[in-house]
Amino acid sequence: MTDFKKAATGLLKVATMTADELASRKGEDDMFVKIKRNSERLSNCSGHDFEPQPDWRSKGWGMLDRTVHCRACGGDMKIGAAHDYLRGFAHGSGQDLKSITASIWPPES
């Protein structure tokens, strides 16, 4: 039980640190630092402008394995999260979700 408690305490401490604080301890190549940096970019973005991975069709990945990149902030997110964001954007702006998503992931011709 003490190992679990120690691990949980450590994760909570990491979760409350900023990316800069964590990087000062772990370095920029640490996985948690990279995750925090990406999260901070996405959270501070004034409006995402997504682009798909250039080879998203040829990799043969399942839909949930795909990621998108935001041209505005440089953040990356899974396609499901991006779709949820775009659905909310479409609802709030009155735009058609299908046309928004087609501009990012054009149908095969």
C-alpha atoms as a PDB file:
ATOM      1  CA  MET A   1       0.000   0.000   0.000  1.00  0.00           C
ATOM      2  CA  THR A   2       2.829   2.420   0.697  1.00  0.00           C
ATOM      3  CA  ASP A   3       4.220   2.028  -2.840  1.00  0.00           C
ATOM      4  CA  PHE A   4       0.829   2.930  -4.304  1.00  0.00           C
ATOM      5  CA  LYS A   5       0.464   5.900  -1.961  1.00  0.00           C
ATOM      6  CA  LYS A   6       3.958   7.122  -2.841  1.00  0.00           C
ATOM      7  CA  ALA A   7       3.250   6.811  -6.580  1.00  0.00           C
ATOM      8  CA  ALA A   8      -0.110   8.583  -6.244  1.00  0.00           C
ATOM      9  CA  THR A   9       1.490  11.413  -4.253  1.00  0.00           C
ATOM     10  CA  GLY A  10       4.210  11.770  -6.879  1.00  0.00           C
ATOM     11  CA  LEU A  11       1.674  11.912  -9.725  1.00  0.00           C
ATOM     12  CA  LEU A  12      -0.396  14.502  -7.886  1.00  0.00           C
ATOM     13  CA  LYS A  13       2.689  16.636  -7.358  1.00  0.00           C
ATOM     14  CA  VAL A  14       3.609  16.395 -11.054  1.00  0.00           C
ATOM     15  CA  ALA A  15       0.025  17.195 -12.060  1.00  0.00           C
ATOM     16  CA  THR A  16       0.064  20.468 -10.135  1.00  0.00           C
ATOM     17  CA  MET A  17       3.398  21.677 -11.566  1.00  0.00           C
ATOM     18  CA  THR A  18       3.709  23.852 -14.635  1.00  0.00           C
ATOM     19  CA  ALA A  19       5.704  22.559 -17.585  1.00  0.00           C
ATOM     20  CA  ASP A  20       8.549  24.941 -16.707  1.00  0.00           C
ATOM     21  CA  GLU A  21       8.708  23.710 -13.108  1.00  0.00           C
ATOM     22  CA  LEU A  22       8.698  20.104 -14.212  1.00  0.00           C
ATOM     23  CA  ALA A  23      11.265  20.726 -16.967  1.00  0.00           C
ATOM     24  CA  SER A  24      13.628  22.298 -14.446  1.00  0.00           C
ATOM     25  CA  ARG A  25      13.624  18.974 -12.583  1.00  0.00           C
ATOM     26  CA  LYS A  26      13.276  16.433 -15.373  1.00  0.00           C
ATOM     27  CA  GLY A  27      14.523  18.146 -18.544  1.00  0.00           C
ATOM     28  CA  GLU A  28      12.676  18.915 -21.766  1.00  0.00           C
ATOM     29  CA  ASP A  29      12.842  15.327 -23.061  1.00  0.00           C
ATOM     30  CA  ASP A  30      10.752  13.934 -20.199  1.00  0.00           C
ATOM     31  CA  MET A  31       7.432  12.482 -21.375  1.00  0.00           C
ATOM     32  CA  PHE A  32       5.420  14.374 -18.740  1.00  0.00           C
ATOM     33  CA  VAL A  33       7.074  17.663 -19.722  1.00  0.00           C
ATOM     34  CA  LYS A  34       6.122  17.078 -23.354  1.00  0.00           C
ATOM     35  CA  ILE A  35       2.538  16.275 -22.349  1.00  0.00           C
ATOM     36  CA  LYS A  36       2.342  19.391 -20.165  1.00  0.00           C
ATOM     37  CA  ARG A  37       3.790  21.626 -22.897  1.00  0.00           C
ATOM     38  CA  ASN A  38       1.256  20.281 -25.400  1.00  0.00           C
ATOM     39  CA  SER A  39      -1.592  20.728 -22.928  1.00  0.00           C
ATOM     40  CA  GLU A  40      -0.545  24.299 -22.171  1.00  0.00           C
ATOM     41  CA  ARG A  41      -0.362  25.123 -25.896  1.00  0.00           C
ATOM     42  CA  LEU A  42      -3.841  23.714 -26.499  1.00  0.00           C
ATOM     43  CA  SER A  43      -5.349  25.409 -23.434  1.00  0.00           C
ATOM     44  CA  ASN A  44      -3.951  28.817 -24.330  1.00  0.00           C
ATOM     45  CA  CYS A  45      -4.962  28.703 -28.003  1.00  0.00           C
ATOM     46  CA  SER A  46      -7.414  31.410 -29.036  1.00  0.00           C
ATOM     47  CA  GLY A  47      -8.926  29.218 -31.769  1.00  0.00           C
ATOM     48  CA  HIS A  48      -7.705  25.936 -33.165  1.00  0.00           C
ATOM     49  CA  ASP A  49      -6.929  25.579 -36.866  1.00  0.00           C
ATOM     50  CA  PHE A  50      -6.483  21.852 -37.335  1.00  0.00           C
ATOM     51  CA  GLU A  51      -4.584  20.053 -40.025  1.00  0.00           C
ATOM     52  CA  PRO A  52      -4.382  16.261 -40.321  1.00  0.00           C
ATOM     53  CA  GLN A  53      -1.165  14.326 -40.340  1.00  0.00           C
ATOM     54  CA  PRO A  54       0.014  14.507 -43.965  1.00  0.00           C
ATOM     55  CA  ASP A  55      -0.022  10.738 -44.429  1.00  0.00           C
ATOM     56  CA  TRP A  56      -3.174   9.982 -42.443  1.00  0.00           C
ATOM     57  CA  ARG A  57      -4.693   7.857 -45.204  1.00  0.00           C
ATOM     58  CA  SER A  58      -1.635   5.769 -46.054  1.00  0.00           C
ATOM     59  CA  LYS A  59      -0.683   4.724 -42.522  1.00  0.00           C
ATOM     60  CA  GLY A  60      -3.735   2.504 -42.189  1.00  0.00           C
ATOM     61  CA  TRP A  61      -4.346   3.683 -38.645  1.00  0.00           C
ATOM     62  CA  GLY A  62      -7.698   3.226 -37.026  1.00  0.00           C
ATOM     63  CA  MET A  63      -9.771   6.360 -36.604  1.00  0.00           C
ATOM     64  CA  LEU A  64      -8.992   6.705 -32.895  1.00  0.00           C
ATOM     65  CA  ASP A  65      -5.230   6.424 -33.448  1.00  0.00           C
ATOM     66  CA  ARG A  66      -5.079   9.514 -35.630  1.00  0.00           C
ATOM     67  CA  THR A  67      -3.986  12.883 -34.327  1.00  0.00           C
ATOM     68  CA  VAL A  68      -4.405  16.408 -35.617  1.00  0.00           C
ATOM     69  CA  HIS A  69      -2.073  19.370 -35.349  1.00  0.00           C
ATOM     70  CA  CYS A  70      -3.193  22.918 -34.626  1.00  0.00           C
ATOM     71  CA  ARG A  71      -1.509  25.412 -36.944  1.00  0.00           C
ATOM     72  CA  ALA A  72      -2.320  28.246 -34.540  1.00  0.00           C
ATOM     73  CA  CYS A  73      -0.772  26.938 -31.296  1.00  0.00           C
ATOM     74  CA  GLY A  74       1.343  23.966 -32.409  1.00  0.00           C
ATOM     75  CA  GLY A  75      -0.520  21.550 -30.140  1.00  0.00           C
ATOM     76  CA  ASP A  76      -1.526  18.017 -31.070  1.00  0.00           C
ATOM     77  CA  MET A  77      -4.624  16.092 -30.027  1.00  0.00           C
ATOM     78  CA  LYS A  78      -6.391  12.854 -30.785  1.00  0.00           C
ATOM     79  CA  ILE A  79      -8.983  12.995 -33.517  1.00  0.00           C
ATOM     80  CA  GLY A  80     -11.849  12.228 -31.131  1.00  0.00           C
ATOM     81  CA  ALA A  81     -11.041  15.235 -28.959  1.00  0.00           C
ATOM     82  CA  ALA A  82     -10.647  17.419 -32.050  1.00  0.00           C
ATOM     83  CA  HIS A  83     -14.021  16.238 -33.360  1.00  0.00           C
ATOM     84  CA  ASP A  84     -15.671  17.113 -30.040  1.00  0.00           C
ATOM     85  CA  TYR A  85     -14.081  20.569 -30.204  1.00  0.00           C
ATOM     86  CA  LEU A  86     -15.249  21.062 -33.803  1.00  0.00           C
ATOM     87  CA  ARG A  87     -18.760  19.888 -32.945  1.00  0.00           C
ATOM     88  CA  GLY A  88     -18.938  22.530 -30.210  1.00  0.00           C
ATOM     89  CA  PHE A  89     -17.443  25.133 -32.551  1.00  0.00           C
ATOM     90  CA  ALA A  90     -19.993  24.321 -35.250  1.00  0.00           C
ATOM     91  CA  HIS A  91     -22.839  24.495 -32.755  1.00  0.00           C
ATOM     92  CA  GLY A  92     -21.664  27.826 -31.346  1.00  0.00           C
ATOM     93  CA  SER A  93     -20.915  29.422 -34.704  1.00  0.00           C
ATOM     94  CA  GLY A  94     -23.909  28.085 -36.645  1.00  0.00           C
ATOM     95  CA  GLN A  95     -21.630  26.506 -39.246  1.00  0.00           C
ATOM     96  CA  ASP A  96     -22.176  23.067 -40.711  1.00  0.00           C
ATOM     97  CA  LEU A  97     -20.061  20.407 -38.947  1.00  0.00           C
ATOM     98  CA  LYS A  98     -19.830  18.275 -42.093  1.00  0.00           C
ATOM     99  CA  SER A  99     -18.314  21.099 -44.147  1.00  0.00           C
ATOM    100  CA  ILE A 100     -15.895  21.979 -41.333  1.00  0.00           C
ATOM    101  CA  THR A 101     -14.659  18.407 -41.004  1.00  0.00           C
ATOM    102  CA  ALA A 102     -14.508  17.925 -44.796  1.00  0.00           C
ATOM    103  CA  SER A 103     -12.116  20.854 -45.023  1.00  0.00           C
ATOM    104  CA  ILE A 104      -9.779  19.104 -42.578  1.00  0.00           C
ATOM    105  CA  TRP A 105     -10.287  15.492 -43.700  1.00  0.00           C
ATOM    106  CA  PRO A 106     -11.380  15.653 -47.332  1.00  0.00           C
ATOM    107  CA  PRO A 107     -13.323  12.648 -48.586  1.00  0.00           C
ATOM    108  CA  GLU A 108     -11.494  10.261 -50.879  1.00  0.00           C
ATOM    109  CA  SER A 109     -11.931  11.160 -54.519  1.00  0.00           C
END
